Amino acid sequence: AGVPVIAVVKGNGYGFGIKEFTEILKNNGIKTFAVTEVDDISQL
């Protein structure tokens, strides 16, 4: 990419489990996350 990455974690983290997937992305330097469902916000 060479530019900041927005990690899309919709669909239960693309099926990888939204919490576990997000935690790993965060620990690897991702600063912005995206979802489509408002129900996912509380978990994030």
All heavy atoms as atom14 arrays in JSON, in Angstrom:
{
  "sequence": "AGVPVIAVVKGNGYGFGIKEFTEILKNNGIKTFAVTEVDDISQL",
  "atom14_mask": [
    [1, 1, 1, 1, 1, 0, 0, 0, 0, 0, 0, 0, 0, 0],
    [1, 1, 1, 1, 0, 0, 0, 0, 0, 0, 0, 0, 0, 0],
    [1, 1, 1, 1, 1, 1, 1, 0, 0, 0, 0, 0, 0, 0],
    [1, 1, 1, 1, 1, 1, 1, 0, 0, 0, 0, 0, 0, 0],
    [1, 1, 1, 1, 1, 1, 1, 0, 0, 0, 0, 0, 0, 0],
    [1, 1, 1, 1, 1, 1, 1, 1, 0, 0, 0, 0, 0, 0],
    [1, 1, 1, 1, 1, 0, 0, 0, 0, 0, 0, 0, 0, 0],
    [1, 1, 1, 1, 1, 1, 1, 0, 0, 0, 0, 0, 0, 0],
    [1, 1, 1, 1, 1, 1, 1, 0, 0, 0, 0, 0, 0, 0],
    [1, 1, 1, 1, 1, 1, 1, 1, 1, 0, 0, 0, 0, 0],
    [1, 1, 1, 1, 0, 0, 0, 0, 0, 0, 0, 0, 0, 0],
    [1, 1, 1, 1, 1, 1, 1, 1, 0, 0, 0, 0, 0, 0],
    [1, 1, 1, 1, 0, 0, 0, 0, 0, 0, 0, 0, 0, 0],
    [1, 1, 1, 1, 1, 1, 1, 1, 1, 1, 1, 1, 0, 0],
    [1, 1, 1, 1, 0, 0, 0, 0, 0, 0, 0, 0, 0, 0],
    [1, 1, 1, 1, 1, 1, 1, 1, 1, 1, 1, 0, 0, 0],
    [1, 1, 1, 1, 0, 0, 0, 0, 0, 0, 0, 0, 0, 0],
    [1, 1, 1, 1, 1, 1, 1, 1, 0, 0, 0, 0, 0, 0],
    [1, 1, 1, 1, 1, 1, 1, 1, 1, 0, 0, 0, 0, 0],
    [1, 1, 1, 1, 1, 1, 1, 1, 1, 0, 0, 0, 0, 0],
    [1, 1, 1, 1, 1, 1, 1, 1, 1, 1, 1, 0, 0, 0],
    [1, 1, 1, 1, 1, 1, 1, 0, 0, 0, 0, 0, 0, 0],
    [1, 1, 1, 1, 1, 1, 1, 1, 1, 0, 0, 0, 0, 0],
    [1, 1, 1, 1, 1, 1, 1, 1, 0, 0, 0, 0, 0, 0],
    [1, 1, 1, 1, 1, 1, 1, 1, 0, 0, 0, 0, 0, 0],
    [1, 1, 1, 1, 1, 1, 1, 1, 1, 0, 0, 0, 0, 0],
    [1, 1, 1, 1, 1, 1, 1, 1, 0, 0, 0, 0, 0, 0],
    [1, 1, 1, 1, 1, 1, 1, 1, 0, 0, 0, 0, 0, 0],
    [1, 1, 1, 1, 0, 0, 0, 0, 0, 0, 0, 0, 0, 0],
    [1, 1, 1, 1, 1, 1, 1, 1, 0, 0, 0, 0, 0, 0],
    [1, 1, 1, 1, 1, 1, 1, 1, 1, 0, 0, 0, 0, 0],
    [1, 1, 1, 1, 1, 1, 1, 0, 0, 0, 0, 0, 0, 0],
    [1, 1, 1, 1, 1, 1, 1, 1, 1, 1, 1, 0, 0, 0],
    [1, 1, 1, 1, 1, 0, 0, 0, 0, 0, 0, 0, 0, 0],
    [1, 1, 1, 1, 1, 1, 1, 0, 0, 0, 0, 0, 0, 0],
    [1, 1, 1, 1, 1, 1, 1, 0, 0, 0, 0, 0, 0, 0],
    [1, 1, 1, 1, 1, 1, 1, 1, 1, 0, 0, 0, 0, 0],
    [1, 1, 1, 1, 1, 1, 1, 0, 0, 0, 0, 0, 0, 0],
    [1, 1, 1, 1, 1, 1, 1, 1, 0, 0, 0, 0, 0, 0],
    [1, 1, 1, 1, 1, 1, 1, 1, 0, 0, 0, 0, 0, 0],
    [1, 1, 1, 1, 1, 1, 1, 1, 0, 0, 0, 0, 0, 0],
    [1, 1, 1, 1, 1, 1, 0, 0, 0, 0, 0, 0, 0, 0],
    [1, 1, 1, 1, 1, 1, 1, 1, 1, 0, 0, 0, 0, 0],
    [1, 1, 1, 1, 1, 1, 1, 1, 0, 0, 0, 0, 0, 0]
  ],
  "atom14_positions": [
    [[0.82, -1.21, 0.0], [0.0, 0.0, 0.0], [0.85, 1.27, 0.0], [0.61, 2.19, -0.77], [-0.94, 0.0, 1.2], [0.0, 0.0, 0.0], [0.0, 0.0, 0.0], [0.0, 0.0, 0.0], [0.0, 0.0, 0.0], [0.0, 0.0, 0.0], [0.0, 0.0, 0.0], [0.0, 0.0, 0.0], [0.0, 0.0, 0.0], [0.0, 0.0, 0.0]],
    [[1.82, 1.33, 0.89], [2.67, 2.51, 0.98], [1.96, 3.72, 1.57], [2.53, 4.82, 1.62], [0.0, 0.0, 0.0], [0.0, 0.0, 0.0], [0.0, 0.0, 0.0], [0.0, 0.0, 0.0], [0.0, 0.0, 0.0], [0.0, 0.0, 0.0], [0.0, 0.0, 0.0], [0.0, 0.0, 0.0], [0.0, 0.0, 0.0], [0.0, 0.0, 0.0]],
    [[0.73, 3.54, 2.0], [-0.06, 4.59, 2.66], [-0.76, 3.94, 3.84], [-0.81, 2.71, 3.94], [-1.11, 5.21, 1.69], [-0.43, 5.97, 0.57], [-2.04, 4.13, 1.13], [0.0, 0.0, 0.0], [0.0, 0.0, 0.0], [0.0, 0.0, 0.0], [0.0, 0.0, 0.0], [0.0, 0.0, 0.0], [0.0, 0.0, 0.0], [0.0, 0.0, 0.0]],
    [[-1.31, 4.73, 4.77], [-2.01, 4.13, 5.92], [-3.11, 3.16, 5.49], [-3.82, 3.4, 4.51], [-2.59, 5.36, 6.64], [-1.65, 6.46, 6.3], [-1.24, 6.21, 4.88], [0.0, 0.0, 0.0], [0.0, 0.0, 0.0], [0.0, 0.0, 0.0], [0.0, 0.0, 0.0], [0.0, 0.0, 0.0], [0.0, 0.0, 0.0], [0.0, 0.0, 0.0]],
    [[-3.23, 2.06, 6.25], [-4.2, 1.01, 5.94], [-5.37, 1.07, 6.91], [-5.18, 1.11, 8.13], [-3.53, -0.38, 6.03], [-4.56, -1.49, 5.84], [-2.42, -0.51, 4.99], [0.0, 0.0, 0.0], [0.0, 0.0, 0.0], [0.0, 0.0, 0.0], [0.0, 0.0, 0.0], [0.0, 0.0, 0.0], [0.0, 0.0, 0.0], [0.0, 0.0, 0.0]],
    [[-6.57, 1.08, 6.36], [-7.79, 0.95, 7.16], [-8.16, -0.54, 7.12], [-8.4, -1.09, 6.04], [-8.94, 1.79, 6.58], [-8.58, 3.27, 6.6], [-10.23, 1.55, 7.37], [-9.57, 4.16, 5.86], [0.0, 0.0, 0.0], [0.0, 0.0, 0.0], [0.0, 0.0, 0.0], [0.0, 0.0, 0.0], [0.0, 0.0, 0.0], [0.0, 0.0, 0.0]],
    [[-8.17, -1.18, 8.26], [-8.49, -2.61, 8.32], [-10.0, -2.8, 8.4], [-10.64, -2.36, 9.36], [-7.81, -3.25, 9.52], [0.0, 0.0, 0.0], [0.0, 0.0, 0.0], [0.0, 0.0, 0.0], [0.0, 0.0, 0.0], [0.0, 0.0, 0.0], [0.0, 0.0, 0.0], [0.0, 0.0, 0.0], [0.0, 0.0, 0.0], [0.0, 0.0, 0.0]],
    [[-10.56, -3.47, 7.4], [-11.99, -3.75, 7.39], [-12.23, -5.07, 8.11], [-11.72, -6.11, 7.7], [-12.52, -3.82, 5.95], [-14.02, -4.07, 5.95], [-12.19, -2.53, 5.19], [0.0, 0.0, 0.0], [0.0, 0.0, 0.0], [0.0, 0.0, 0.0], [0.0, 0.0, 0.0], [0.0, 0.0, 0.0], [0.0, 0.0, 0.0], [0.0, 0.0, 0.0]],
    [[-12.97, -5.03, 9.2], [-13.19, -6.23, 10.01], [-14.68, -6.59, 10.07], [-15.15, -7.21, 11.02], [-12.61, -6.05, 11.44], [-11.1, -5.99, 11.39], [-13.18, -4.8, 12.12], [0.0, 0.0, 0.0], [0.0, 0.0, 0.0], [0.0, 0.0, 0.0], [0.0, 0.0, 0.0], [0.0, 0.0, 0.0], [0.0, 0.0, 0.0], [0.0, 0.0, 0.0]],
    [[-15.4, -6.21, 9.04], [-16.82, -6.57, 8.95], [-16.96, -8.09, 8.77], [-15.97, -8.79, 8.53], [-17.47, -5.86, 7.76], [-16.92, -6.27, 6.4], [-17.58, -5.51, 5.26], [-17.02, -5.96, 3.9], [-17.66, -5.26, 2.78], [0.0, 0.0, 0.0], [0.0, 0.0, 0.0], [0.0, 0.0, 0.0], [0.0, 0.0, 0.0], [0.0, 0.0, 0.0]],
    [[-18.19, -8.58, 8.87], [-18.41, -10.01, 8.66], [-17.63, -10.87, 9.64], [-16.98, -11.84, 9.25], [0.0, 0.0, 0.0], [0.0, 0.0, 0.0], [0.0, 0.0, 0.0], [0.0, 0.0, 0.0], [0.0, 0.0, 0.0], [0.0, 0.0, 0.0], [0.0, 0.0, 0.0], [0.0, 0.0, 0.0], [0.0, 0.0, 0.0], [0.0, 0.0, 0.0]],
    [[-17.71, -10.48, 10.94], [-16.98, -11.22, 11.99], [-15.5, -11.27, 11.66], [-14.85, -12.31, 11.74], [-17.53, -12.64, 12.15], [-17.0, -13.33, 13.4], [-16.69, -12.69, 14.4], [-16.86, -14.66, 13.34], [0.0, 0.0, 0.0], [0.0, 0.0, 0.0], [0.0, 0.0, 0.0], [0.0, 0.0, 0.0], [0.0, 0.0, 0.0], [0.0, 0.0, 0.0]],
    [[-14.95, -10.11, 11.29], [-13.52, -10.04, 10.98], [-13.19, -10.89, 9.76], [-12.21, -11.63, 9.77], [0.0, 0.0, 0.0], [0.0, 0.0, 0.0], [0.0, 0.0, 0.0], [0.0, 0.0, 0.0], [0.0, 0.0, 0.0], [0.0, 0.0, 0.0], [0.0, 0.0, 0.0], [0.0, 0.0, 0.0], [0.0, 0.0, 0.0], [0.0, 0.0, 0.0]],
    [[-14.02, -10.74, 8.7], [-13.87, -11.57, 7.49], [-13.83, -13.06, 7.84], [-13.17, -13.85, 7.18], [-12.65, -11.15, 6.68], [-12.99, -10.12, 5.63], [-13.14, -8.78, 5.98], [-13.22, -10.47, 4.32], [-13.51, -7.82, 5.04], [-13.59, -9.53, 3.36], [-13.72, -8.21, 3.73], [-14.1, -7.27, 2.79], [0.0, 0.0, 0.0], [0.0, 0.0, 0.0]],
    [[-14.55, -13.4, 8.9], [-14.64, -14.79, 9.31], [-13.54, -15.24, 10.24], [-13.52, -16.39, 10.69], [0.0, 0.0, 0.0], [0.0, 0.0, 0.0], [0.0, 0.0, 0.0], [0.0, 0.0, 0.0], [0.0, 0.0, 0.0], [0.0, 0.0, 0.0], [0.0, 0.0, 0.0], [0.0, 0.0, 0.0], [0.0, 0.0, 0.0], [0.0, 0.0, 0.0]],
    [[-12.59, -14.35, 10.55], [-11.47, -14.72, 11.41], [-11.74, -14.46, 12.89], [-10.87, -14.66, 13.72], [-10.21, -13.95, 10.98], [-9.42, -14.64, 9.89], [-10.03, -15.52, 9.01], [-8.06, -14.41, 9.74], [-9.32, -16.15, 8.01], [-7.33, -15.05, 8.74], [-7.97, -15.92, 7.87], [0.0, 0.0, 0.0], [0.0, 0.0, 0.0], [0.0, 0.0, 0.0]],
    [[-12.94, -14.0, 13.22], [-13.28, -13.67, 14.61], [-12.94, -12.21, 14.85], [-11.76, -11.86, 14.93], [0.0, 0.0, 0.0], [0.0, 0.0, 0.0], [0.0, 0.0, 0.0], [0.0, 0.0, 0.0], [0.0, 0.0, 0.0], [0.0, 0.0, 0.0], [0.0, 0.0, 0.0], [0.0, 0.0, 0.0], [0.0, 0.0, 0.0], [0.0, 0.0, 0.0]],
    [[-13.94, -11.36, 14.98], [-13.7, -9.92, 14.98], [-12.78, -9.45, 16.11], [-11.9, -8.61, 15.91], [-15.05, -9.14, 15.01], [-14.81, -7.65, 14.79], [-15.81, -9.42, 16.3], [-16.08, -6.86, 14.54], [0.0, 0.0, 0.0], [0.0, 0.0, 0.0], [0.0, 0.0, 0.0], [0.0, 0.0, 0.0], [0.0, 0.0, 0.0], [0.0, 0.0, 0.0]],
    [[-12.93, -10.02, 17.31], [-12.1, -9.57, 18.42], [-10.65, -10.01, 18.26], [-9.72, -9.21, 18.4], [-12.67, -10.09, 19.75], [-13.96, -9.41, 20.18], [-14.36, -9.86, 21.58], [-15.59, -9.11, 22.06], [-15.99, -9.52, 23.43], [0.0, 0.0, 0.0], [0.0, 0.0, 0.0], [0.0, 0.0, 0.0], [0.0, 0.0, 0.0], [0.0, 0.0, 0.0]],
    [[-10.45, -11.31, 17.97], [-9.09, -11.83, 17.84], [-8.37, -11.17, 16.66], [-7.21, -10.78, 16.76], [-9.12, -13.34, 17.65], [-9.84, -14.12, 18.74], [-11.3, -14.37, 18.41], [-11.94, -13.51, 17.78], [-11.81, -15.45, 18.8], [0.0, 0.0, 0.0], [0.0, 0.0, 0.0], [0.0, 0.0, 0.0], [0.0, 0.0, 0.0], [0.0, 0.0, 0.0]],
    [[-9.08, -11.06, 15.54], [-8.52, -10.48, 14.32], [-8.12, -9.03, 14.55], [-7.01, -8.6, 14.2], [-9.58, -10.59, 13.23], [-9.11, -10.24, 11.84], [-7.86, -10.64, 11.38], [-9.93, -9.53, 10.98], [-7.45, -10.32, 10.08], [-9.54, -9.22, 9.7], [-8.29, -9.61, 9.24], [0.0, 0.0, 0.0], [0.0, 0.0, 0.0], [0.0, 0.0, 0.0]],
    [[-9.02, -8.26, 15.17], [-8.75, -6.85, 15.44], [-7.56, -6.67, 16.37], [-6.72, -5.79, 16.15], [-10.0, -6.17, 16.04], [-11.07, -6.24, 15.09], [-9.74, -4.73, 16.4], [0.0, 0.0, 0.0], [0.0, 0.0, 0.0], [0.0, 0.0, 0.0], [0.0, 0.0, 0.0], [0.0, 0.0, 0.0], [0.0, 0.0, 0.0], [0.0, 0.0, 0.0]],
    [[-7.49, -7.5, 17.39], [-6.38, -7.41, 18.35], [-5.04, -7.6, 17.65], [-4.07, -6.86, 17.9], [-6.55, -8.47, 19.43], [-5.59, -8.32, 20.62], [-5.95, -7.18, 21.54], [-7.09, -7.12, 22.03], [-5.06, -6.33, 21.76], [0.0, 0.0, 0.0], [0.0, 0.0, 0.0], [0.0, 0.0, 0.0], [0.0, 0.0, 0.0], [0.0, 0.0, 0.0]],
    [[-4.95, -8.58, 16.76], [-3.7, -8.85, 16.04], [-3.36, -7.69, 15.09], [-2.21, -7.27, 14.99], [-3.8, -10.18, 15.28], [-3.86, -11.34, 16.28], [-2.61, -10.37, 14.33], [-4.18, -12.69, 15.67], [0.0, 0.0, 0.0], [0.0, 0.0, 0.0], [0.0, 0.0, 0.0], [0.0, 0.0, 0.0], [0.0, 0.0, 0.0], [0.0, 0.0, 0.0]],
    [[-4.37, -7.19, 14.39], [-4.14, -6.05, 13.49], [-3.65, -4.83, 14.27], [-2.71, -4.14, 13.85], [-5.43, -5.72, 12.74], [-5.87, -6.73, 11.68], [-7.34, -6.5, 11.31], [-4.99, -6.62, 10.44], [0.0, 0.0, 0.0], [0.0, 0.0, 0.0], [0.0, 0.0, 0.0], [0.0, 0.0, 0.0], [0.0, 0.0, 0.0], [0.0, 0.0, 0.0]],
    [[-4.28, -4.58, 15.4], [-3.87, -3.45, 16.24], [-2.43, -3.61, 16.7], [-1.64, -2.65, 16.65], [-4.81, -3.36, 17.45], [-4.41, -2.32, 18.48], [-5.3, -2.39, 19.71], [-4.8, -1.46, 20.81], [-5.64, -1.58, 22.04], [0.0, 0.0, 0.0], [0.0, 0.0, 0.0], [0.0, 0.0, 0.0], [0.0, 0.0, 0.0], [0.0, 0.0, 0.0]],
    [[-2.08, -4.8, 17.13], [-0.72, -5.05, 17.62], [0.32, -4.99, 16.5], [1.53, -4.95, 16.78], [-0.65, -6.42, 18.31], [-1.43, -6.45, 19.61], [-1.7, -5.4, 20.19], [-1.8, -7.63, 20.07], [0.0, 0.0, 0.0], [0.0, 0.0, 0.0], [0.0, 0.0, 0.0], [0.0, 0.0, 0.0], [0.0, 0.0, 0.0], [0.0, 0.0, 0.0]],
    [[-0.15, -5.01, 15.26], [0.76, -4.91, 14.13], [0.68, -3.55, 13.44], [1.02, -3.42, 12.26], [0.48, -6.03, 13.13], [1.1, -7.35, 13.55], [2.24, -7.66, 13.2], [0.36, -8.14, 14.33], [0.0, 0.0, 0.0], [0.0, 0.0, 0.0], [0.0, 0.0, 0.0], [0.0, 0.0, 0.0], [0.0, 0.0, 0.0], [0.0, 0.0, 0.0]],
    [[0.27, -2.55, 14.2], [0.4, -1.17, 13.75], [-0.78, -0.56, 13.02], [-0.69, 0.58, 12.56], [0.0, 0.0, 0.0], [0.0, 0.0, 0.0], [0.0, 0.0, 0.0], [0.0, 0.0, 0.0], [0.0, 0.0, 0.0], [0.0, 0.0, 0.0], [0.0, 0.0, 0.0], [0.0, 0.0, 0.0], [0.0, 0.0, 0.0], [0.0, 0.0, 0.0]],
    [[-1.91, -1.26, 12.91], [-3.08, -0.69, 12.25], [-3.76, 0.28, 13.22], [-4.01, -0.07, 14.37], [-4.06, -1.78, 11.79], [-3.37, -2.77, 10.85], [-5.28, -1.15, 11.12], [-2.86, -2.18, 9.56], [0.0, 0.0, 0.0], [0.0, 0.0, 0.0], [0.0, 0.0, 0.0], [0.0, 0.0, 0.0], [0.0, 0.0, 0.0], [0.0, 0.0, 0.0]],
    [[-4.09, 1.47, 12.7], [-4.65, 2.52, 13.56], [-6.14, 2.79, 13.33], [-6.81, 3.36, 14.18], [-3.88, 3.82, 13.34], [-2.39, 3.74, 13.59], [-2.07, 3.49, 15.04], [-0.56, 3.53, 15.29], [-0.25, 3.19, 16.72], [0.0, 0.0, 0.0], [0.0, 0.0, 0.0], [0.0, 0.0, 0.0], [0.0, 0.0, 0.0], [0.0, 0.0, 0.0]],
    [[-6.64, 2.39, 12.16], [-8.04, 2.67, 11.83], [-8.73, 1.38, 11.38], [-8.16, 0.6, 10.62], [-8.14, 3.71, 10.7], [-7.42, 4.89, 11.09], [-9.59, 4.08, 10.44], [0.0, 0.0, 0.0], [0.0, 0.0, 0.0], [0.0, 0.0, 0.0], [0.0, 0.0, 0.0], [0.0, 0.0, 0.0], [0.0, 0.0, 0.0], [0.0, 0.0, 0.0]],
    [[-9.95, 1.19, 11.86], [-10.71, -0.02, 11.57], [-12.08, 0.36, 10.99], [-12.57, 1.46, 11.23], [-10.87, -0.87, 12.82], [-9.56, -1.36, 13.36], [-8.74, -0.53, 14.12], [-9.12, -2.65, 13.08], [-7.51, -0.97, 14.6], [-7.88, -3.09, 13.55], [-7.09, -2.26, 14.3], [0.0, 0.0, 0.0], [0.0, 0.0, 0.0], [0.0, 0.0, 0.0]],
    [[-12.66, -0.56, 10.24], [-13.95, -0.26, 9.61], [-14.89, -1.45, 9.69], [-14.46, -2.61, 9.55], [-13.74, 0.13, 8.14], [0.0, 0.0, 0.0], [0.0, 0.0, 0.0], [0.0, 0.0, 0.0], [0.0, 0.0, 0.0], [0.0, 0.0, 0.0], [0.0, 0.0, 0.0], [0.0, 0.0, 0.0], [0.0, 0.0, 0.0], [0.0, 0.0, 0.0]],
    [[-16.17, -1.14, 9.92], [-17.23, -2.16, 9.94], [-18.44, -1.6, 9.19], [-18.5, -0.41, 8.88], [-17.65, -2.54, 11.37], [-16.53, -3.29, 12.08], [-18.05, -1.29, 12.17], [0.0, 0.0, 0.0], [0.0, 0.0, 0.0], [0.0, 0.0, 0.0], [0.0, 0.0, 0.0], [0.0, 0.0, 0.0], [0.0, 0.0, 0.0], [0.0, 0.0, 0.0]],
    [[-19.39, -2.46, 8.9], [-20.63, -2.01, 8.27], [-21.81, -2.05, 9.23], [-22.78, -1.32, 9.04], [-20.96, -2.87, 7.03], [-20.99, -4.25, 7.42], [-19.91, -2.68, 5.94], [0.0, 0.0, 0.0], [0.0, 0.0, 0.0], [0.0, 0.0, 0.0], [0.0, 0.0, 0.0], [0.0, 0.0, 0.0], [0.0, 0.0, 0.0], [0.0, 0.0, 0.0]],
    [[-21.74, -2.91, 10.24], [-22.85, -3.09, 11.17], [-22.61, -2.33, 12.47], [-21.55, -2.49, 13.1], [-23.06, -4.57, 11.47], [-23.36, -5.42, 10.25], [-24.62, -5.0, 9.53], [-25.6, -4.67, 10.23], [-24.63, -4.99, 8.29], [0.0, 0.0, 0.0], [0.0, 0.0, 0.0], [0.0, 0.0, 0.0], [0.0, 0.0, 0.0], [0.0, 0.0, 0.0]],
    [[-23.59, -1.56, 12.91], [-23.42, -0.82, 14.16], [-23.32, -1.77, 15.35], [-22.77, -1.41, 16.39], [-24.56, 0.2, 14.36], [-24.52, 1.28, 13.3], [-25.92, -0.49, 14.37], [0.0, 0.0, 0.0], [0.0, 0.0, 0.0], [0.0, 0.0, 0.0], [0.0, 0.0, 0.0], [0.0, 0.0, 0.0], [0.0, 0.0, 0.0], [0.0, 0.0, 0.0]],
    [[-23.86, -2.98, 15.22], [-23.78, -3.95, 16.32], [-22.33, -4.36, 16.62], [-22.05, -4.87, 17.71], [-24.59, -5.21, 15.97], [-26.08, -4.96, 15.97], [-26.5, -3.92, 16.53], [-26.83, -5.77, 15.4], [0.0, 0.0, 0.0], [0.0, 0.0, 0.0], [0.0, 0.0, 0.0], [0.0, 0.0, 0.0], [0.0, 0.0, 0.0], [0.0, 0.0, 0.0]],
    [[-21.43, -4.17, 15.67], [-20.03, -4.53, 15.88], [-19.27, -3.5, 16.7], [-18.18, -3.78, 17.21], [-19.31, -4.7, 14.54], [-19.76, -5.95, 13.79], [-20.21, -6.9, 14.45], [-19.66, -5.96, 12.55], [0.0, 0.0, 0.0], [0.0, 0.0, 0.0], [0.0, 0.0, 0.0], [0.0, 0.0, 0.0], [0.0, 0.0, 0.0], [0.0, 0.0, 0.0]],
    [[-19.81, -2.31, 16.82], [-19.09, -1.21, 17.46], [-18.73, -1.51, 18.91], [-17.6, -1.28, 19.35], [-19.9, 0.1, 17.37], [-20.02, 0.54, 15.91], [-19.25, 1.2, 18.2], [-20.95, 1.73, 15.7], [0.0, 0.0, 0.0], [0.0, 0.0, 0.0], [0.0, 0.0, 0.0], [0.0, 0.0, 0.0], [0.0, 0.0, 0.0], [0.0, 0.0, 0.0]],
    [[-19.67, -2.05, 19.68], [-19.41, -2.31, 21.1], [-18.29, -3.31, 21.29], [-17.46, -3.17, 22.2], [-20.69, -2.8, 21.79], [-21.16, -4.0, 21.21], [0.0, 0.0, 0.0], [0.0, 0.0, 0.0], [0.0, 0.0, 0.0], [0.0, 0.0, 0.0], [0.0, 0.0, 0.0], [0.0, 0.0, 0.0], [0.0, 0.0, 0.0], [0.0, 0.0, 0.0]],
    [[-18.23, -4.34, 20.43], [-17.15, -5.32, 20.52], [-15.81, -4.69, 20.22], [-14.81, -4.97, 20.9], [-17.39, -6.47, 19.53], [-18.62, -7.29, 19.8], [-18.71, -8.48, 18.86], [-17.97, -9.46, 19.0], [-19.61, -8.41, 17.89], [0.0, 0.0, 0.0], [0.0, 0.0, 0.0], [0.0, 0.0, 0.0], [0.0, 0.0, 0.0], [0.0, 0.0, 0.0]],
    [[-15.78, -3.82, 19.22], [-14.52, -3.17, 18.87], [-14.05, -2.21, 19.95], [-12.84, -2.12, 20.24], [-14.67, -2.42, 17.54], [-14.76, -3.26, 16.28], [-14.83, -2.37, 15.05], [-13.58, -4.22, 16.17], [0.0, 0.0, 0.0], [0.0, 0.0, 0.0], [0.0, 0.0, 0.0], [0.0, 0.0, 0.0], [0.0, 0.0, 0.0], [0.0, 0.0, 0.0]]
  ]
}
